[in-house]
Protein backbone atom coordinates (compact mmCIF):
# COMPACT_ATOMS: atom_id res chain seq x y z
CA UNK A 1 -4.04 -16.20 47.44
CA UNK A 2 -5.57 -14.34 50.36
CA UNK A 3 -3.50 -11.83 52.24
CA UNK A 4 -2.05 -13.32 55.39
CA UNK A 5 -0.41 -11.65 58.42
CA UNK A 6 2.47 -12.37 60.66
CA UNK A 7 1.70 -12.35 64.40
CA UNK A 8 3.03 -8.88 64.73
CA UNK A 9 0.91 -7.54 61.96
CA UNK A 10 -2.15 -9.35 63.29
CA UNK A 11 -1.62 -7.84 66.73
CA UNK A 12 -1.33 -4.34 65.26
CA UNK A 13 -4.37 -4.75 63.10
CA UNK A 14 -6.49 -6.13 65.87
CA UNK A 15 -5.29 -3.71 68.63
CA UNK A 16 -3.84 -6.34 70.97
CA UNK A 17 -0.22 -7.41 71.79
CA UNK A 18 1.62 -10.55 70.70
CA UNK A 19 1.19 -12.17 74.05
CA UNK A 20 -2.59 -11.71 73.86
CA UNK A 21 -2.59 -13.71 70.61
CA UNK A 22 -0.31 -16.42 72.08
CA UNK A 23 -2.60 -16.58 75.13
CA UNK A 24 -5.64 -17.08 72.89
CA UNK A 25 -3.86 -19.79 71.14
CA UNK A 26 -2.93 -21.58 74.36
CA UNK A 27 -6.57 -21.31 75.51
CA UNK A 28 -7.78 -22.81 72.19
CA UNK A 29 -9.80 -19.78 71.15
CA UNK A 30 -7.45 -19.13 68.17
CA UNK A 31 -5.93 -21.88 66.12
CA UNK A 32 -2.17 -21.45 65.75
CA UNK A 33 -1.26 -21.86 62.04
CA UNK A 34 1.54 -24.11 60.97
CA UNK A 35 4.79 -22.47 60.07
CA UNK A 36 5.46 -21.64 56.53
CA UNK A 37 9.23 -21.30 56.35
CA UNK A 38 10.30 -19.28 59.27
CA UNK A 39 6.97 -17.62 60.04
CA UNK A 40 3.33 -18.39 60.90
CA UNK A 41 0.88 -16.61 58.68
CA UNK A 42 -2.55 -15.77 60.06
CA UNK A 43 -5.61 -15.27 57.96
CA UNK A 44 -7.16 -11.81 57.84
CA UNK A 45 -10.37 -13.22 59.39
CA UNK A 46 -8.49 -13.48 62.62
CA UNK A 47 -8.65 -9.60 63.03
CA UNK A 48 -12.40 -9.82 63.18
CA UNK A 49 -12.28 -12.76 65.46
CA UNK A 50 -9.90 -11.08 67.91
CA UNK A 51 -12.13 -7.95 67.99
CA UNK A 52 -15.14 -10.18 68.70
CA UNK A 53 -13.19 -11.75 71.62
CA UNK A 54 -12.17 -8.42 73.02
CA UNK A 55 -15.76 -7.05 72.73
CA UNK A 56 -17.23 -10.10 74.37
CA UNK A 57 -14.79 -9.68 77.27
CA UNK A 58 -15.83 -5.99 77.60
CA UNK A 59 -19.40 -7.27 77.99
CA UNK A 60 -18.34 -9.58 80.84
CA UNK A 61 -18.09 -12.95 78.97
CA UNK A 62 -15.15 -15.17 79.93
CA UNK A 63 -12.88 -16.68 77.36
CA UNK A 64 -14.59 -20.04 77.72
CA UNK A 65 -18.01 -18.41 77.19
CA UNK A 66 -16.67 -16.41 74.25
CA UNK A 67 -15.34 -19.68 72.70
CA UNK A 68 -18.85 -21.15 73.06
CA UNK A 69 -20.39 -18.11 71.33
CA UNK A 70 -17.87 -18.38 68.48
CA UNK A 71 -18.49 -22.15 68.20
CA UNK A 72 -22.27 -21.40 67.96
CA UNK A 73 -21.56 -19.14 64.90
CA UNK A 74 -19.83 -22.00 63.22
CA UNK A 75 -22.59 -24.60 63.88
CA UNK A 76 -25.25 -24.87 61.25
CA UNK A 77 -28.06 -25.91 63.69
CA UNK A 78 -27.49 -23.08 66.19
CA UNK A 79 -30.15 -20.50 66.50
CA UNK A 80 -30.29 -16.86 67.78
CA UNK A 81 -32.08 -18.27 70.89
CA UNK A 82 -28.89 -20.12 71.75
CA UNK A 83 -27.05 -16.75 72.01
CA UNK A 84 -29.97 -15.14 73.75
CA UNK A 85 -29.95 -17.78 76.51
CA UNK A 86 -26.25 -17.20 77.08
CA UNK A 87 -26.81 -13.39 77.03
CA UNK A 88 -29.58 -13.74 79.59
CA UNK A 89 -27.47 -15.93 81.80
CA UNK A 90 -24.78 -13.29 81.73
CA UNK A 91 -27.36 -10.56 82.59
CA UNK A 92 -28.36 -12.62 85.64
CA UNK A 93 -24.78 -13.17 86.68
CA UNK A 94 -24.09 -9.41 86.37
CA UNK A 95 -27.18 -8.62 88.52
CA UNK A 96 -25.91 -10.93 91.20
CA UNK A 97 -22.58 -9.25 91.08
CA UNK A 98 -24.21 -5.82 91.39
CA UNK A 99 -26.07 -6.99 94.42
CA UNK A 100 -22.78 -8.25 96.03
CA UNK A 101 -21.04 -5.01 95.11
CA UNK A 102 -23.87 -2.96 96.69
CA UNK A 103 -23.51 -5.02 99.86
CA UNK A 104 -19.76 -4.49 99.89
CA UNK A 105 -20.31 -0.75 99.33
CA UNK A 106 -22.77 -0.43 102.17
CA UNK A 107 -20.36 -2.33 104.50
CA UNK A 108 -17.48 -0.17 103.56
CA UNK A 109 -19.56 3.07 104.03
CA UNK A 110 -20.42 1.71 107.55
CA UNK A 111 -16.78 1.17 108.25
CA UNK A 112 -15.80 4.60 107.05
CA UNK A 113 -18.17 6.13 109.60
CA UNK A 114 -16.24 4.28 112.37
CA UNK A 115 -13.22 6.40 111.88
CA UNK A 116 -14.01 9.50 113.91
CA UNK A 117 -10.39 10.45 114.80
CA UNK A 118 -8.24 10.41 111.62
CA UNK A 119 -5.10 11.05 113.71
CA UNK A 120 -5.82 8.03 115.80
CA UNK A 121 -2.94 5.40 115.83
CA UNK A 122 -3.10 2.61 113.29
CA UNK A 123 -2.99 0.05 116.11
CA UNK A 124 -6.37 1.48 117.32
CA UNK A 125 -7.86 1.89 113.86
CA UNK A 126 -11.57 0.80 114.15
CA UNK A 127 -11.69 -0.02 110.45
CA UNK A 128 -8.78 -2.53 110.67
CA UNK A 129 -10.12 -3.86 113.93
CA UNK A 130 -13.40 -4.64 112.28
CA UNK A 131 -11.59 -7.02 109.94
CA UNK A 132 -10.59 -9.14 112.84
CA UNK A 133 -14.05 -8.98 114.52
CA UNK A 134 -16.45 -9.65 111.71
CA UNK A 135 -20.02 -9.75 113.04
CA UNK A 136 -21.86 -12.93 112.12
CA UNK A 137 -25.08 -12.36 110.18
CA UNK A 138 -28.22 -13.44 111.83
CA UNK A 139 -30.33 -15.76 109.69
């Protein structure tokens, strides 16, 4: 019989906490095993699966996208190109976020230059005032 783990041992072995495993179960990314007596026993393969989930999250994939990637691994007809297309889509999404972050940074840098008198009262703070009087972009 294969070695199996309680949820606590699985959490320790995979570097997450119990609630993370329970969350993954609720989201359907991990199957919750049936109780055997008083405990649920998880297969050792779940350690690898959880590490895969965590790594994919580090790379910007959502849990839903991660589940799709894991499902591709199970399917016999899936190809590397299927994963490549999801990876390229994620790269495009990240590039869009980078553009948006650069715009936000530029706006904040502009706001930071508005504050010429740091001892000025908060009621006259030009940075806060700009939040109320946002300029409309010209098309």
